[in-house]
N, C-alpha and C. Protein backbone atom coordinates (compact mmCIF):
# COMPACT_ATOMS: atom_id res chain seq x y z
N UNK A 1 -65.21 129.65 -142.52
CA UNK A 1 -65.00 128.53 -143.40
C UNK A 1 -66.04 127.43 -143.19
N UNK A 2 -66.36 127.14 -141.92
CA UNK A 2 -67.35 126.10 -141.66
C UNK A 2 -68.68 126.45 -142.34
N UNK A 3 -69.11 127.70 -142.17
CA UNK A 3 -70.37 128.11 -142.80
C UNK A 3 -70.30 128.00 -144.32
N UNK A 4 -69.19 128.42 -144.89
CA UNK A 4 -69.01 128.32 -146.34
C UNK A 4 -69.07 126.89 -146.83
N UNK A 5 -68.48 125.97 -146.08
CA UNK A 5 -68.55 124.56 -146.43
C UNK A 5 -69.99 124.05 -146.36
N UNK A 6 -70.70 124.47 -145.34
CA UNK A 6 -72.07 124.01 -145.16
C UNK A 6 -73.02 124.57 -146.21
N UNK A 7 -72.82 125.83 -146.61
CA UNK A 7 -73.75 126.42 -147.59
C UNK A 7 -73.24 126.30 -149.03
N UNK A 8 -72.07 125.71 -149.21
CA UNK A 8 -71.57 125.46 -150.56
C UNK A 8 -70.83 126.62 -151.21
N UNK A 9 -70.59 127.70 -150.48
CA UNK A 9 -69.89 128.84 -151.08
C UNK A 9 -68.38 128.68 -151.03
N UNK A 10 -67.90 127.70 -150.26
CA UNK A 10 -66.47 127.40 -150.18
C UNK A 10 -66.31 125.92 -150.47
N UNK A 11 -65.40 125.58 -151.35
CA UNK A 11 -65.15 124.16 -151.65
C UNK A 11 -64.27 123.55 -150.56
N UNK A 12 -64.29 122.26 -150.48
CA UNK A 12 -63.44 121.57 -149.52
C UNK A 12 -61.97 121.82 -149.84
N UNK A 13 -61.64 121.86 -151.10
CA UNK A 13 -60.26 122.14 -151.49
C UNK A 13 -59.83 123.53 -151.03
N UNK A 14 -60.70 124.53 -151.23
CA UNK A 14 -60.39 125.89 -150.79
C UNK A 14 -60.18 125.96 -149.28
N UNK A 15 -61.06 125.31 -148.52
CA UNK A 15 -60.96 125.32 -147.06
C UNK A 15 -59.67 124.64 -146.61
N UNK A 16 -59.34 123.51 -147.23
CA UNK A 16 -58.12 122.79 -146.89
C UNK A 16 -56.89 123.65 -147.16
N UNK A 17 -56.83 124.27 -148.32
CA UNK A 17 -55.67 125.10 -148.66
C UNK A 17 -55.55 126.32 -147.74
N UNK A 18 -56.68 126.93 -147.42
CA UNK A 18 -56.66 128.10 -146.54
C UNK A 18 -56.14 127.71 -145.16
N UNK A 19 -56.68 126.63 -144.59
CA UNK A 19 -56.24 126.19 -143.27
C UNK A 19 -54.79 125.70 -143.32
N UNK A 20 -54.42 125.05 -144.40
CA UNK A 20 -53.08 124.52 -144.53
C UNK A 20 -52.01 125.58 -144.49
N UNK A 21 -52.30 126.75 -145.04
CA UNK A 21 -51.29 127.82 -145.02
C UNK A 21 -50.94 128.22 -143.59
N UNK A 22 -51.92 128.14 -142.69
CA UNK A 22 -51.68 128.49 -141.30
C UNK A 22 -51.04 127.34 -140.54
N UNK A 23 -51.50 126.12 -140.81
CA UNK A 23 -51.00 124.96 -140.08
C UNK A 23 -49.56 124.62 -140.44
N UNK A 24 -49.13 124.97 -141.63
CA UNK A 24 -47.79 124.61 -142.09
C UNK A 24 -46.83 125.80 -142.11
N UNK A 25 -47.19 126.87 -141.45
CA UNK A 25 -46.38 128.08 -141.47
C UNK A 25 -45.10 127.95 -140.64
N UNK A 26 -44.92 126.84 -139.94
CA UNK A 26 -43.70 126.65 -139.19
C UNK A 26 -43.85 126.87 -137.70
N UNK A 27 -44.83 127.63 -137.29
CA UNK A 27 -45.11 127.85 -135.87
C UNK A 27 -46.58 128.19 -135.74
N UNK A 28 -47.17 127.89 -134.61
CA UNK A 28 -48.58 128.25 -134.44
C UNK A 28 -48.77 129.76 -134.53
N UNK A 29 -49.65 130.17 -135.43
CA UNK A 29 -49.94 131.59 -135.60
C UNK A 29 -51.21 131.99 -134.86
N UNK A 30 -51.91 131.02 -134.32
CA UNK A 30 -53.15 131.32 -133.61
C UNK A 30 -52.86 131.50 -132.13
N UNK A 31 -53.44 132.52 -131.57
CA UNK A 31 -53.27 132.77 -130.14
C UNK A 31 -54.44 132.18 -129.36
N UNK A 32 -55.37 131.57 -130.04
CA UNK A 32 -56.56 131.01 -129.41
C UNK A 32 -56.63 129.52 -129.75
N UNK A 33 -56.74 128.68 -128.73
CA UNK A 33 -56.74 127.23 -128.96
C UNK A 33 -57.95 126.77 -129.78
N UNK A 34 -59.09 127.45 -129.66
CA UNK A 34 -60.26 127.07 -130.44
C UNK A 34 -60.00 127.29 -131.93
N UNK A 35 -59.32 128.37 -132.27
CA UNK A 35 -59.01 128.62 -133.68
C UNK A 35 -57.99 127.61 -134.18
N UNK A 36 -56.98 127.31 -133.37
CA UNK A 36 -55.97 126.34 -133.79
C UNK A 36 -56.63 124.98 -134.04
N UNK A 37 -57.57 124.58 -133.18
CA UNK A 37 -58.29 123.32 -133.38
C UNK A 37 -59.12 123.37 -134.65
N UNK A 38 -59.81 124.47 -134.88
CA UNK A 38 -60.62 124.60 -136.10
C UNK A 38 -59.75 124.48 -137.35
N UNK A 39 -58.59 125.09 -137.32
CA UNK A 39 -57.67 124.97 -138.46
C UNK A 39 -57.25 123.52 -138.67
N UNK A 40 -57.02 122.80 -137.58
CA UNK A 40 -56.66 121.40 -137.69
C UNK A 40 -57.77 120.56 -138.31
N UNK A 41 -59.00 120.89 -137.99
CA UNK A 41 -60.13 120.17 -138.56
C UNK A 41 -60.30 120.50 -140.05
N UNK A 42 -60.10 121.75 -140.40
CA UNK A 42 -60.27 122.17 -141.80
C UNK A 42 -59.14 121.70 -142.70
N UNK A 43 -57.93 121.60 -142.14
CA UNK A 43 -56.79 121.14 -142.95
C UNK A 43 -56.93 119.63 -143.13
N UNK A 44 -57.34 119.22 -144.29
CA UNK A 44 -57.62 117.82 -144.59
C UNK A 44 -59.09 117.54 -144.81
N UNK A 45 -59.90 118.59 -144.81
CA UNK A 45 -61.35 118.44 -144.98
C UNK A 45 -61.71 117.86 -146.35
N UNK A 46 -60.76 117.91 -147.29
CA UNK A 46 -61.01 117.41 -148.64
C UNK A 46 -60.62 115.94 -148.83
N UNK A 47 -60.21 115.26 -147.76
CA UNK A 47 -59.80 113.86 -147.86
C UNK A 47 -61.01 112.94 -147.99
N UNK A 48 -60.83 111.89 -148.78
CA UNK A 48 -61.89 110.89 -148.99
C UNK A 48 -61.41 109.53 -148.48
N UNK A 49 -62.36 108.63 -148.31
CA UNK A 49 -62.03 107.27 -147.90
C UNK A 49 -61.19 106.57 -148.96
N UNK A 50 -61.36 106.94 -150.19
CA UNK A 50 -60.64 106.37 -151.32
C UNK A 50 -61.12 107.03 -152.59
N UNK A 51 -60.48 106.71 -153.70
CA UNK A 51 -60.85 107.31 -154.99
C UNK A 51 -62.34 107.07 -155.27
N UNK A 52 -63.06 108.16 -155.50
CA UNK A 52 -64.48 108.07 -155.80
C UNK A 52 -65.36 107.76 -154.59
N UNK A 53 -64.78 107.73 -153.42
CA UNK A 53 -65.52 107.42 -152.19
C UNK A 53 -65.98 108.71 -151.51
N UNK A 54 -66.86 108.57 -150.52
CA UNK A 54 -67.32 109.76 -149.78
C UNK A 54 -66.17 110.40 -149.00
N UNK A 55 -66.39 111.65 -148.64
CA UNK A 55 -65.41 112.35 -147.81
C UNK A 55 -65.32 111.70 -146.44
N UNK A 56 -64.16 111.83 -145.80
CA UNK A 56 -63.98 111.28 -144.45
C UNK A 56 -64.93 111.92 -143.46
N UNK A 57 -65.20 113.22 -143.65
CA UNK A 57 -66.06 113.97 -142.74
C UNK A 57 -67.25 114.50 -143.51
N UNK A 58 -68.46 114.18 -143.04
CA UNK A 58 -69.67 114.59 -143.74
C UNK A 58 -70.17 115.95 -143.24
N UNK A 59 -71.23 116.41 -143.86
CA UNK A 59 -71.79 117.73 -143.53
C UNK A 59 -72.24 117.81 -142.07
N UNK A 60 -72.75 116.71 -141.54
CA UNK A 60 -73.19 116.70 -140.15
C UNK A 60 -72.00 116.93 -139.21
N UNK A 61 -70.87 116.32 -139.51
CA UNK A 61 -69.68 116.54 -138.68
C UNK A 61 -69.22 117.98 -138.77
N UNK A 62 -69.28 118.56 -139.95
CA UNK A 62 -68.87 119.95 -140.11
C UNK A 62 -69.79 120.86 -139.28
N UNK A 63 -71.09 120.58 -139.31
CA UNK A 63 -72.03 121.37 -138.51
C UNK A 63 -71.73 121.21 -137.01
N UNK A 64 -71.37 120.01 -136.59
CA UNK A 64 -71.00 119.78 -135.19
C UNK A 64 -69.75 120.58 -134.83
N UNK A 65 -68.77 120.60 -135.73
CA UNK A 65 -67.53 121.35 -135.48
C UNK A 65 -67.82 122.84 -135.36
N UNK A 66 -68.72 123.34 -136.21
CA UNK A 66 -69.09 124.75 -136.13
C UNK A 66 -69.71 125.06 -134.76
N UNK A 67 -70.58 124.20 -134.31
CA UNK A 67 -71.20 124.40 -132.99
C UNK A 67 -70.15 124.34 -131.89
N UNK A 68 -69.23 123.40 -132.00
CA UNK A 68 -68.14 123.28 -131.02
C UNK A 68 -67.30 124.57 -130.99
N UNK A 69 -67.00 125.09 -132.16
CA UNK A 69 -66.20 126.31 -132.27
C UNK A 69 -66.94 127.49 -131.65
N UNK A 70 -68.22 127.59 -131.94
CA UNK A 70 -69.01 128.68 -131.37
C UNK A 70 -69.09 128.57 -129.85
N UNK A 71 -69.26 127.37 -129.35
CA UNK A 71 -69.33 127.14 -127.91
C UNK A 71 -68.00 127.50 -127.25
N UNK A 72 -66.90 127.10 -127.87
CA UNK A 72 -65.57 127.41 -127.31
C UNK A 72 -65.36 128.91 -127.27
N UNK A 73 -65.81 129.62 -128.29
CA UNK A 73 -65.68 131.07 -128.32
C UNK A 73 -66.51 131.74 -127.24
N UNK A 74 -67.69 131.22 -127.01
CA UNK A 74 -68.56 131.76 -125.98
C UNK A 74 -67.95 131.54 -124.60
N UNK A 75 -67.37 130.36 -124.38
CA UNK A 75 -66.78 130.05 -123.09
C UNK A 75 -65.56 130.92 -122.80
N UNK A 76 -64.90 131.39 -123.87
CA UNK A 76 -63.68 132.17 -123.65
C UNK A 76 -63.90 133.67 -123.69
N UNK A 77 -65.16 134.11 -123.83
CA UNK A 77 -65.33 135.54 -123.75
C UNK A 77 -66.49 136.13 -124.49
N UNK A 78 -67.45 135.35 -124.94
CA UNK A 78 -68.65 135.97 -125.47
C UNK A 78 -68.78 135.95 -126.97
N UNK A 79 -68.36 134.95 -127.62
CA UNK A 79 -68.55 134.84 -129.06
C UNK A 79 -67.35 134.20 -129.70
N UNK A 80 -67.56 133.55 -130.81
CA UNK A 80 -66.46 132.89 -131.50
C UNK A 80 -65.41 133.93 -131.89
N UNK A 81 -64.15 133.64 -131.63
CA UNK A 81 -63.10 134.60 -131.98
C UNK A 81 -63.01 134.80 -133.49
N UNK A 82 -62.74 136.01 -133.88
CA UNK A 82 -62.59 136.34 -135.30
C UNK A 82 -61.18 135.96 -135.75
N UNK A 83 -61.05 135.20 -136.84
CA UNK A 83 -59.71 134.80 -137.29
C UNK A 83 -58.76 135.97 -137.48
N UNK A 84 -59.24 137.09 -137.96
CA UNK A 84 -58.35 138.23 -138.18
C UNK A 84 -57.75 138.76 -136.89
N UNK A 85 -58.39 138.50 -135.77
CA UNK A 85 -57.89 138.95 -134.48
C UNK A 85 -56.83 138.02 -133.90
N UNK A 86 -56.66 136.84 -134.50
CA UNK A 86 -55.81 135.83 -133.89
C UNK A 86 -54.69 135.32 -134.79
N UNK A 87 -54.59 135.83 -135.99
CA UNK A 87 -53.59 135.34 -136.92
C UNK A 87 -52.72 136.47 -137.41
N UNK A 88 -51.51 136.13 -137.69
CA UNK A 88 -50.68 137.04 -138.48
C UNK A 88 -50.33 136.25 -139.74
N UNK A 89 -50.05 136.93 -140.79
CA UNK A 89 -49.75 136.25 -142.05
C UNK A 89 -48.55 135.35 -141.89
N UNK A 90 -48.61 134.15 -142.48
CA UNK A 90 -47.42 133.28 -142.43
C UNK A 90 -46.22 133.96 -143.06
N UNK A 91 -45.06 133.76 -142.46
CA UNK A 91 -43.83 134.30 -143.00
C UNK A 91 -43.39 133.44 -144.16
N UNK A 92 -43.40 133.99 -145.35
CA UNK A 92 -43.02 133.22 -146.54
C UNK A 92 -41.57 133.38 -146.87
N UNK A 93 -40.84 134.12 -146.04
CA UNK A 93 -39.41 134.27 -146.24
C UNK A 93 -39.04 135.23 -147.33
N UNK A 94 -39.99 136.01 -147.81
CA UNK A 94 -39.65 136.90 -148.91
C UNK A 94 -40.15 138.20 -148.69
C-alpha cells in the first residue's frame, strides 16, 4: 500500500478503506506488530487539515513510513513481512 500511495496506483481513499477493514474487525488480525502499526498509519491516510486543505500526512511522511516498515521487517527476520502471511480475513458474521 505504501508503494501504491507513493507511485499513485492506489488512492488515499482505497488505502484507508483497505486498512480500515483490518483495524475495525473487532480484534487484531495481525500477528506482527510492524504490520499492525502500518495498518494504523494507513487507516486515516485520506484525512486533511480541513476542507480543501492539504492531507495531514504528505508523500515524504509516507516514504518515511515505508522505510520504517522495511527496517522493522528486516530486524524481525530478513525482510518486510508479507501481509498475506499475517492476516486472516475479518469475520463479517455471515
